[in-house]
Protein backbone atom coordinates (compact mmCIF):
# COMPACT_ATOMS: atom_id res chain seq x y z
CA MET A 1 15.71 143.37 12.08
CA PRO A 2 17.21 146.87 11.71
CA SER A 3 14.76 149.75 11.61
CA ARG A 4 14.29 151.68 8.42
CA PRO A 5 16.19 155.00 7.97
CA PHE A 6 14.44 158.07 9.35
CA ALA A 7 13.54 159.49 5.91
CA GLU A 8 11.80 156.23 4.85
CA GLN A 9 10.25 155.43 8.24
CA HIS A 10 8.35 158.73 8.24
CA ALA A 11 7.91 159.14 4.45
CA LEU A 12 9.59 162.50 4.46
CA TRP A 13 11.14 162.57 0.98
CA SER A 14 9.72 162.96 -2.51
CA ASP A 15 10.74 160.62 -5.32
CA ALA A 16 13.17 163.36 -6.54
CA GLN A 17 14.83 163.53 -3.17
CA HIS A 18 15.25 159.75 -3.00
CA ASP A 19 16.86 159.83 -6.48
CA ALA A 20 19.08 162.72 -5.51
CA ALA A 21 20.14 160.87 -2.31
CA SER A 22 21.24 157.82 -4.26
CA LEU A 23 23.35 159.80 -6.64
CA LEU A 24 24.87 161.84 -3.79
CA ALA A 25 25.71 158.76 -1.71
CA ALA A 26 27.67 157.33 -4.67
CA ARG A 27 29.43 160.62 -5.11
CA LEU A 28 30.42 160.73 -1.40
CA GLU A 29 31.65 157.18 -1.52
CA SER A 30 33.81 157.94 -4.58
CA GLY A 31 36.26 159.98 -2.47
CA ASP A 32 35.58 163.42 -3.99
CA PHE A 33 34.81 164.94 -0.60
CA ASP A 34 36.40 164.82 2.89
CA THR A 35 33.58 166.51 4.85
CA VAL A 36 29.94 167.57 4.40
CA ARG A 37 28.24 170.36 6.32
CA PHE A 38 24.71 169.57 7.30
CA ALA A 39 23.18 173.07 7.71
CA PHE A 40 19.75 174.32 8.66
CA PRO A 41 18.18 177.82 8.92
CA ASP A 42 17.42 178.78 12.50
CA GLN A 43 14.63 181.08 13.51
CA HIS A 44 16.70 184.17 12.63
CA GLY A 45 17.62 182.87 9.14
CA ILE A 46 21.18 182.09 10.30
CA LEU A 47 22.74 178.83 9.17
CA ARG A 48 23.67 176.39 11.86
CA GLY A 49 24.55 172.68 11.70
CA LYS A 50 27.10 169.95 11.97
CA THR A 51 30.05 168.79 9.80
CA LEU A 52 30.50 165.04 9.19
CA VAL A 53 33.27 163.23 7.50
CA ALA A 54 32.24 161.93 4.07
CA ALA A 55 31.73 158.25 5.02
CA GLU A 56 29.49 159.21 7.97
CA ALA A 57 27.69 161.81 5.79
CA ALA A 58 26.76 159.07 3.30
CA ARG A 59 25.19 157.04 6.12
CA ALA A 60 23.47 160.10 7.57
CA LEU A 61 21.71 161.10 4.41
CA ARG A 62 18.66 158.94 5.08
CA SER A 63 19.07 158.49 8.86
CA GLY A 64 19.47 162.15 9.78
CA VAL A 65 21.89 163.89 12.21
CA GLY A 66 21.06 164.57 15.86
CA PHE A 67 21.28 168.14 17.02
CA THR A 68 20.40 169.95 20.29
CA SER A 69 16.82 171.20 20.33
CA THR A 70 17.89 174.33 22.26
CA MET A 71 18.98 175.87 19.00
CA TYR A 72 15.37 177.02 18.66
CA ALA A 73 15.42 178.67 22.13
CA LYS A 74 18.11 181.28 21.30
CA ASP A 75 17.88 184.93 20.47
CA THR A 76 20.45 186.76 18.28
CA SER A 77 23.02 186.76 21.05
CA HIS A 78 22.87 182.99 21.10
CA ARG A 79 21.38 183.04 24.60
CA SER A 80 18.59 180.62 25.45
CA VAL A 81 15.54 182.76 26.31
CA PHE A 82 13.29 179.84 27.17
CA SER A 83 13.57 177.61 30.29
CA VAL A 84 15.13 174.79 28.37
CA PHE A 85 15.64 172.40 31.37
CA THR A 86 11.95 172.37 32.28
CA ARG A 87 9.67 169.38 31.53
CA GLU A 88 8.66 170.76 28.12
CA GLY A 89 11.96 172.46 27.25
CA GLY A 90 10.37 175.86 27.74
CA LEU A 91 8.86 175.48 24.25
CA GLY A 92 5.77 173.49 25.17
CA LEU A 93 6.94 170.19 23.68
CA ASP A 94 7.77 167.07 25.60
CA ASN A 95 10.19 166.13 22.78
CA MET A 96 12.36 169.12 23.71
CA ALA A 97 12.58 168.58 27.40
CA GLY A 98 16.02 168.80 28.92
CA THR A 99 17.79 170.03 25.80
CA SER A 100 17.05 166.76 24.06
CA ASN A 101 18.00 165.95 20.50
CA SER A 102 16.06 166.65 17.37
CA VAL A 103 16.91 165.37 13.90
CA LEU A 104 18.37 167.20 10.90
CA LEU A 105 17.35 165.45 7.70
CA ALA A 106 19.13 166.66 4.55
CA ASP A 107 17.30 167.74 1.44
CA PRO A 108 19.59 165.97 -0.98
CA THR A 109 18.47 168.17 -3.88
CA THR A 110 20.27 171.14 -2.26
CA PHE A 111 23.82 169.69 -2.28
CA LYS A 112 26.63 172.05 -3.22
CA ALA A 113 30.41 171.81 -3.32
CA LEU A 114 31.64 174.80 -1.38
CA PRO A 115 34.02 176.76 -3.60
CA TRP A 116 35.95 178.34 -0.70
CA SER A 117 36.49 175.16 1.33
CA PRO A 118 38.29 172.44 -0.66
CA ARG A 119 36.67 168.99 -0.71
CA THR A 120 33.75 170.18 1.38
CA GLY A 121 30.17 169.51 0.55
CA TRP A 122 27.08 171.33 1.89
CA LEU A 123 23.44 170.27 2.42
CA LEU A 124 20.42 172.25 3.52
CA CYS A 125 18.42 170.31 6.09
CA ASP A 126 14.98 170.33 7.63
CA ALA A 127 14.52 169.86 11.41
CA TYR A 128 12.29 167.12 12.81
CA LEU A 129 11.23 165.82 16.21
CA PRO A 130 12.28 162.17 16.91
CA ASP A 131 8.72 161.02 16.06
CA GLY A 132 8.97 162.38 12.54
CA ARG A 133 6.96 165.58 12.98
CA ALA A 134 8.52 168.82 11.73
CA VAL A 135 9.87 171.02 14.54
CA PRO A 136 7.00 173.46 14.86
CA TYR A 137 9.41 176.39 15.16
CA ALA A 138 11.26 175.56 12.03
CA THR A 139 10.76 178.28 9.38
CA ARG A 140 11.36 176.44 6.02
CA PRO A 141 8.14 174.40 6.48
CA ILE A 142 6.17 177.61 7.05
CA LEU A 143 7.03 178.80 3.60
CA ALA A 144 6.23 175.39 2.24
CA LYS A 145 2.73 175.63 3.81
CA ALA A 146 2.28 179.10 2.27
CA ASN A 147 3.39 177.75 -1.14
CA ALA A 148 0.94 174.84 -0.85
CA LEU A 149 -1.92 177.27 -0.31
CA LEU A 150 -0.99 178.98 -3.63
CA ALA A 151 -0.65 175.62 -5.41
CA GLU A 152 -4.20 174.69 -4.37
CA ARG A 153 -5.37 177.61 -6.47
CA GLY A 154 -3.08 176.88 -9.39
CA TRP A 155 -0.64 179.68 -8.53
CA GLN A 156 3.04 180.09 -7.61
CA LEU A 157 4.87 183.13 -6.22
CA THR A 158 7.74 184.23 -8.37
CA THR A 159 10.31 186.35 -6.58
CA GLY A 160 13.31 188.52 -7.63
CA LEU A 161 15.72 189.86 -5.02
CA GLU A 162 17.64 193.08 -4.60
CA VAL A 163 19.99 192.72 -1.68
CA GLU A 164 22.10 195.53 -0.25
CA PHE A 165 24.95 194.89 2.18
CA HIS A 166 28.32 196.33 3.36
CA VAL A 167 31.80 194.97 3.08
CA PHE A 168 34.71 196.45 5.06
CA ARG A 169 38.37 195.62 5.43
CA VAL A 170 39.22 194.22 8.87
CA THR A 171 41.83 196.14 10.79
CA ASP A 172 41.50 194.41 14.16
CA PRO A 173 39.58 191.16 14.67
CA HIS A 174 39.54 191.61 18.48
CA MET A 175 40.35 188.06 19.44
CA GLN A 176 41.70 188.57 22.91
CA PRO A 177 40.00 186.55 25.64
CA GLU A 178 38.39 189.69 27.06
CA ASP A 179 36.76 190.28 23.67
CA ALA A 180 34.69 187.11 23.97
CA GLY A 181 31.01 187.23 25.08
CA GLN A 182 27.42 186.91 24.08
CA PRO A 183 27.80 188.73 21.80
CA GLY A 184 31.56 189.33 21.57
CA ARG A 185 33.32 192.52 20.63
CA PRO A 186 32.82 193.40 16.94
CA VAL A 187 35.75 193.74 14.60
CA ASP A 188 37.32 197.09 13.81
CA VAL A 189 37.12 197.95 10.07
CA GLU A 190 38.00 200.48 7.39
CA LEU A 191 36.15 201.38 4.26
CA LEU A 192 36.67 199.93 0.76
CA THR A 193 34.95 202.96 -0.88
CA HIS A 194 34.09 206.44 0.29
CA GLY A 195 30.54 206.16 -1.11
CA TYR A 196 28.05 208.66 -2.62
CA GLN A 197 29.09 207.83 -6.19
CA TYR A 198 26.28 205.55 -6.90
CA LEU A 199 26.91 203.14 -9.85
CA THR A 200 30.22 204.97 -10.70
CA GLU A 201 32.38 202.69 -12.84
CA SER A 202 35.68 203.88 -11.28
CA ARG A 203 34.38 202.94 -7.83
CA TYR A 204 33.34 199.50 -9.12
CA ASP A 205 36.82 199.06 -10.68
CA ALA A 206 38.44 199.93 -7.32
CA VAL A 207 36.75 196.92 -5.73
CA ASP A 208 36.75 194.68 -8.87
CA GLY A 209 38.89 191.97 -7.08
CA LEU A 210 36.22 191.59 -4.37
CA MET A 211 33.33 191.73 -6.77
CA GLN A 212 34.92 189.05 -9.03
CA LEU A 213 35.54 186.89 -6.01
CA LEU A 214 31.89 187.13 -4.94
CA ARG A 215 30.61 186.64 -8.50
CA GLU A 216 32.69 183.51 -9.03
CA THR A 217 31.53 182.09 -5.67
CA CYS A 218 27.90 182.68 -6.60
CA GLU A 219 28.31 181.13 -10.03
CA ARG A 220 29.95 178.02 -8.59
CA LEU A 221 27.10 177.75 -6.13
CA GLU A 222 24.61 178.14 -9.00
CA LEU A 223 23.05 181.18 -7.39
CA PRO A 224 21.15 183.23 -10.09
CA VAL A 225 22.94 186.56 -9.72
CA SER A 226 21.92 189.10 -12.35
CA SER A 227 23.94 192.17 -11.43
CA LEU A 228 26.70 193.50 -9.08
CA GLU A 229 26.46 197.12 -8.18
CA ILE A 230 28.11 199.89 -6.22
CA GLU A 231 25.44 201.22 -3.85
CA PHE A 232 25.12 204.76 -2.61
CA GLY A 233 26.76 204.49 0.79
CA PRO A 234 30.45 203.97 1.78
CA SER A 235 31.52 200.35 1.33
CA GLN A 236 27.95 199.44 0.29
CA PHE A 237 27.07 196.99 -2.49
CA GLU A 238 24.01 195.47 -4.09
CA PHE A 239 23.44 192.14 -5.80
CA THR A 240 20.25 191.38 -7.76
CA PHE A 241 18.92 187.90 -8.50
CA ALA A 242 16.95 186.56 -11.41
CA PRO A 243 13.31 185.60 -10.71
CA GLN A 244 12.72 182.15 -9.25
CA SER A 245 10.06 180.44 -7.20
CA ALA A 246 9.75 181.70 -3.67
CA ALA A 247 11.12 178.35 -2.35
CA ALA A 248 14.23 178.56 -4.56
CA SER A 249 14.80 182.22 -3.83
CA ALA A 250 14.56 181.72 -0.05
CA ASP A 251 17.13 178.86 -0.16
CA ALA A 252 19.38 181.04 -2.45
CA MET A 253 19.22 184.02 -0.12
CA LEU A 254 20.18 181.89 2.88
CA LEU A 255 23.24 180.41 1.09
CA PHE A 256 24.15 183.77 -0.45
CA ARG A 257 24.41 185.57 2.87
CA SER A 258 26.43 182.76 4.43
CA ALA A 259 28.74 182.39 1.41
CA VAL A 260 29.45 186.14 1.25
CA LYS A 261 30.34 186.34 4.94
CA GLN A 262 32.58 183.27 4.86
CA VAL A 263 34.42 184.13 1.63
CA CYS A 264 34.98 187.73 2.73
CA ALA A 265 36.31 186.57 6.13
CA ARG A 266 38.87 184.31 4.41
CA HIS A 267 40.20 187.28 2.49
CA GLY A 268 40.46 189.80 5.33
CA TYR A 269 37.10 191.43 4.85
CA HIS A 270 34.00 191.72 7.04
CA ALA A 271 30.67 191.50 5.27
CA THR A 272 27.55 192.47 7.10
CA PHE A 273 23.84 192.30 6.26
CA MET A 274 23.06 194.44 9.28
CA CYS A 275 20.71 197.21 8.11
CA ARG A 276 22.54 200.27 9.57
CA PRO A 277 26.02 199.63 10.93
CA ARG A 278 27.35 202.13 13.43
CA ILE A 279 29.90 203.51 10.98
CA PRO A 280 30.30 207.30 10.29
CA ASN A 281 28.39 208.38 7.17
CA VAL A 282 26.80 204.98 6.69
CA VAL A 283 23.72 204.51 4.49
CA SER A 284 21.10 201.90 5.49
CA SER A 285 20.77 198.71 3.48
CA GLY A 286 17.46 197.29 2.37
CA TRP A 287 16.17 194.07 0.82
CA HIS A 288 13.64 194.78 -1.86
CA LEU A 289 11.39 191.84 -2.79
CA HIS A 290 9.93 191.74 -6.26
CA GLN A 291 6.93 189.41 -6.51
CA SER A 292 4.19 188.28 -8.83
CA LEU A 293 1.86 185.33 -9.07
CA VAL A 294 2.23 182.98 -12.06
CA SER A 295 -0.08 180.22 -13.16
CA ILE A 296 0.94 176.56 -12.76
CA ASP A 297 -2.10 175.20 -14.47
CA ALA A 298 -1.29 173.29 -17.67
CA ALA A 299 -3.45 175.50 -19.90
CA ASP A 300 -1.54 178.72 -19.12
CA ALA A 301 1.47 177.59 -17.16
CA GLY A 302 3.91 180.41 -16.50
CA SER A 303 1.62 183.27 -17.35
CA ASN A 304 1.86 186.34 -15.19
CA LEU A 305 -1.36 186.75 -13.23
CA PHE A 306 -0.51 190.35 -12.17
CA LYS A 307 -0.33 191.60 -15.81
CA PRO A 308 -3.23 193.93 -16.51
CA ASP A 309 -5.40 193.54 -19.68
CA ALA A 310 -6.39 197.15 -20.05
CA THR A 311 -4.44 200.40 -20.37
CA GLY A 312 -4.67 202.57 -17.28
CA HIS A 313 -4.73 199.66 -14.87
CA PRO A 314 -1.52 199.12 -12.90
CA LEU A 315 -2.23 195.46 -12.19
CA SER A 316 -4.83 192.82 -12.89
CA PRO A 317 -7.80 192.59 -10.53
CA LEU A 318 -6.02 189.70 -8.84
CA GLY A 319 -2.84 191.71 -8.52
CA LEU A 320 -4.73 194.67 -6.97
CA GLN A 321 -6.42 192.48 -4.42
CA PHE A 322 -3.12 190.78 -3.57
CA MET A 323 -1.57 194.24 -3.07
CA GLY A 324 -4.52 195.27 -0.97
CA GLY A 325 -3.72 192.42 1.40
CA LEU A 326 -0.08 193.38 1.54
CA LEU A 327 -1.09 196.90 2.62
CA ARG A 328 -3.70 195.82 5.14
CA HIS A 329 -1.23 193.57 6.94
CA ALA A 330 1.84 195.78 6.36
CA SER A 331 2.43 196.70 10.00
CA ALA A 332 1.78 193.17 11.28
CA SER A 333 4.08 191.57 8.74
CA THR A 334 6.89 194.11 9.40
CA PRO A 335 8.55 191.93 12.14
CA PHE A 336 9.13 189.22 9.54
CA ALA A 337 10.52 191.65 6.91
CA THR A 338 12.46 193.80 9.41
CA PRO A 339 13.10 191.61 12.46
CA THR A 340 15.91 193.55 14.15
CA ILE A 341 15.93 196.59 16.39
CA ASN A 342 18.45 198.17 14.08
CA GLY A 343 16.33 197.78 11.00
CA TYR A 344 13.76 200.37 12.14
CA LYS A 345 16.41 203.08 11.93
CA ARG A 346 15.98 202.79 8.10
CA PHE A 347 12.33 203.94 7.93
CA ARG A 348 12.93 207.64 7.40
CA SER A 349 11.06 210.13 5.18
CA GLN A 350 12.73 211.16 1.93
CA SER A 351 15.20 208.31 2.29
CA LEU A 352 14.30 205.78 -0.47
CA ALA A 353 12.86 203.69 2.35
CA PRO A 354 9.13 203.60 3.19
CA ASP A 355 7.54 205.17 6.23
CA ARG A 356 3.87 204.33 5.60
CA ALA A 357 1.80 201.57 3.98
CA CYS A 358 1.11 202.90 0.53
CA TRP A 359 1.69 201.95 -3.14
CA ALA A 360 2.65 203.88 -6.23
CA HIS A 361 3.64 203.26 -9.82
CA ASP A 362 7.41 203.15 -10.19
CA ASN A 363 8.03 205.37 -7.12
CA ARG A 364 10.85 204.32 -4.85
CA GLY A 365 9.45 206.29 -1.85
CA ALA A 366 6.38 204.00 -1.60
CA MET A 367 6.35 200.76 0.39
CA LEU A 368 4.98 198.93 -2.68
CA ARG A 369 6.32 199.97 -6.03
CA VAL A 370 4.35 198.66 -9.02
CA LEU A 371 6.31 197.97 -12.14
CA GLY A 372 5.16 196.92 -15.60
CA GLY A 373 1.77 197.19 -17.24
CA VAL A 374 -0.24 195.94 -20.26
CA GLY A 375 1.76 193.47 -22.30
CA ASP A 376 4.63 193.32 -19.85
CA ASN A 377 5.28 189.81 -18.64
CA ALA A 378 7.57 191.18 -15.95
CA THR A 379 4.71 193.11 -14.26
CA ARG A 380 5.27 192.85 -10.54
CA ILE A 381 5.09 194.43 -7.08
CA GLU A 382 8.32 195.48 -5.39
CA ASN A 383 8.02 195.51 -1.61
CA ARG A 384 10.64 197.88 -0.25
CA ILE A 385 9.94 197.15 3.48
CA GLY A 386 12.54 194.48 4.13
CA GLU A 387 16.04 194.57 5.62
CA PRO A 388 18.76 192.22 4.38
CA ALA A 389 18.93 190.38 7.75
CA ALA A 390 15.42 189.07 7.46
CA ASN A 391 14.67 185.30 7.52
CA PRO A 392 13.66 184.67 3.93
CA TYR A 393 11.15 181.90 4.75
CA LEU A 394 9.21 184.16 7.12
CA TYR A 395 9.47 187.21 4.91
CA PHE A 396 8.05 185.38 1.88
CA ALA A 397 5.40 183.55 3.86
CA SER A 398 4.20 186.85 5.32
CA GLN A 399 3.68 188.09 1.77
CA ILE A 400 1.76 185.03 0.66
CA PHE A 401 -0.53 184.97 3.73
CA SER A 402 -1.14 188.74 3.53
CA GLY A 403 -1.77 188.67 -0.26
CA LEU A 404 -4.14 185.75 -0.11
CA ASP A 405 -6.18 187.49 2.49
CA GLY A 406 -6.44 190.40 0.15
CA VAL A 407 -7.70 188.13 -2.55
CA ASP A 408 -10.16 186.33 -0.32
CA GLN A 409 -11.58 189.56 1.06
CA ALA A 410 -11.40 191.41 -2.31
CA ILE A 411 -9.39 194.21 -0.63
CA HIS A 412 -8.81 197.24 -2.86
CA PRO A 413 -5.43 198.91 -2.28
CA GLY A 414 -6.72 202.44 -2.76
CA GLU A 415 -5.28 205.08 -5.02
CA SER A 416 -1.66 205.49 -5.97
CA ALA A 417 0.37 207.63 -3.56
CA ASP A 418 2.22 209.81 -5.98
CA GLN A 419 3.67 211.75 -3.02
CA PRO A 420 4.37 208.79 -0.69
CA TYR A 421 5.95 210.70 2.15
CA SER A 422 2.94 212.95 2.57
CA SER A 423 0.27 210.31 1.86
CA PRO A 424 -2.49 209.91 4.41
CA ALA A 425 -1.80 206.16 4.41
CA PRO A 426 -1.21 204.40 7.79
CA ARG A 427 2.33 204.84 9.17
CA LEU A 428 4.57 201.85 9.44
CA PRO A 429 5.85 200.86 12.90
CA THR A 430 8.87 202.94 13.88
CA THR A 431 10.18 200.37 16.42
CA LEU A 432 10.36 196.64 16.66
CA ALA A 433 8.24 196.77 19.79
CA ALA A 434 5.40 198.49 17.90
CA ALA A 435 5.71 196.06 15.12
CA LEU A 436 5.42 193.09 17.44
CA ASP A 437 2.28 194.59 18.95
CA ALA A 438 0.77 194.84 15.51
CA LEU A 439 1.64 191.21 14.80
CA ALA A 440 0.17 190.03 18.08
CA ALA A 441 -3.15 191.72 17.23
CA ASP A 442 -3.37 190.44 13.61
CA GLU A 443 -5.73 187.48 13.62
CA VAL A 444 -5.06 186.50 9.99
CA LEU A 445 -1.34 186.24 10.36
CA ARG A 446 -1.68 184.58 13.73
CA SER A 447 -3.95 181.96 12.20
CA GLN A 448 -1.77 181.34 9.15
CA PHE A 449 1.63 181.22 10.87
CA GLY A 450 0.00 179.42 13.82
CA PRO A 451 -0.67 181.16 17.17
CA GLY A 452 2.05 179.02 18.78
CA PHE A 453 4.68 180.12 16.28
CA VAL A 454 3.65 183.82 16.55
CA ASP A 455 3.79 183.73 20.35
CA TYR A 456 7.15 182.03 20.14
CA PHE A 457 8.53 184.48 17.65
CA ILE A 458 7.33 187.47 19.70
CA HIS A 459 8.91 186.01 22.85
CA LEU A 460 12.29 185.73 21.07
CA LYS A 461 12.20 189.26 19.79
CA ARG A 462 10.98 190.78 23.08
CA ALA A 463 13.90 189.07 24.80
CA GLU A 464 16.21 191.01 22.46
CA LEU A 465 14.28 194.22 23.25
CA GLU A 466 14.74 193.68 26.94
CA ARG A 467 18.48 193.26 26.59
CA TYR A 468 18.65 196.38 24.36
CA GLN A 469 16.61 198.48 26.78
CA ALA A 470 18.83 197.44 29.71
CA GLU A 471 21.95 198.87 28.01
CA VAL A 472 23.08 202.46 28.55
CA SER A 473 23.72 203.89 25.03
CA GLU A 474 26.35 206.35 23.99
CA TRP A 475 23.51 208.76 23.18
CA GLU A 476 22.28 208.65 26.79
CA GLN A 477 25.79 209.15 28.17
CA ARG A 478 26.39 212.12 25.88
CA GLU A 479 22.93 213.63 26.46
CA TYR A 480 22.68 213.40 30.25
CA PHE A 481 26.00 212.70 31.94
CA ASN A 482 27.14 216.36 32.12
CA LEU A 483 23.68 217.92 32.00
CA MET A 484 21.93 216.24 34.91
């Protein structure tokens, strides 16, 4: 007798997912699609996966797709930084020994038809070990755990996104054999705008073709884009997204970044969510995360739990305590919000980016900007610490775990820092190395993320640091070569 499909054997789907799978299987069998991409977010928030022909995709919906477990052993250069051929695959799991296979199981509720690739479908997947356990280094389940902690209290995190990024025109893709490597040689580019005319309509009109292309792509993917803006820097743009649940926002951010990069590449552009590209006159990009808790209890479902009841209070008592937790764990959570070496070059005084763990009412120099007030259902905290390259599942989970600790410990956030760049508040880490040290020492985040995951994450990021520190930079060459 044949074994049951992987999803049923291990009871991994909800009723809604089973229903969605049945509808999707019929759609795939109708001949509307030639291929389906089974994608999953890796530890860096980058989409990886496999592409199946439609008939095989229909069969794989419930049975899953095998993939190499070493995907979780790679740093941002795609190098394995764990000893993958050892008995436990370098990751402490017998199931990952010898670069063995794990299983990608689609979430059928996430299916999209890709607008830029004709007759191509797309599915977001979760990663499992062959015995049905979630891969412990997968990041989507970490956010699911954090959301479950909120649900136990009758709460849900609502998030709105402001995402800055750069788009350039490619002048040389550098595709000669000698340009290959880990990583390969970056493309050469030129600007689309000269910058410094923030929100200027004429600058928007100059790139209207690109903006319409990206808008149409997002609409066809059902991504909740609210605005498209010309940002301050050369060739810099910002998209904002309507509020959604944290789970929906994280999935949307993942698909948005991938879609923007792919669509731009097909039209001769290079889009990058790198925080501070090495381009003359560049301006750093941030990812500002708006967040509030809402009730999911039947009696007051949808009510904003951060909204204060009395004039003169920036947030409700619950909101203040949540914010107190965000501040207490600000340094330790920074590696999840700003996970790259490059991202720390953004934390500069007087730069619209934070340099210390403080809050203020409607002040863009503070790490936490409080918006709203009495009677305002949009009352929220804007965390300005993130870079657009962050893994959304880890970024959001760090906010929930930190905020809940603030609630449980009744942490007061202190007074508003009306001059945030001269506040006596603790300074944020100025390097990835310092941020990782803070994370390693934070017992609350270690417990909530799991010590095994935190140690794994720190190992990955320190491997990047070691490669970075081994390189001789242009600054060193210019500073010392003639002098010494």
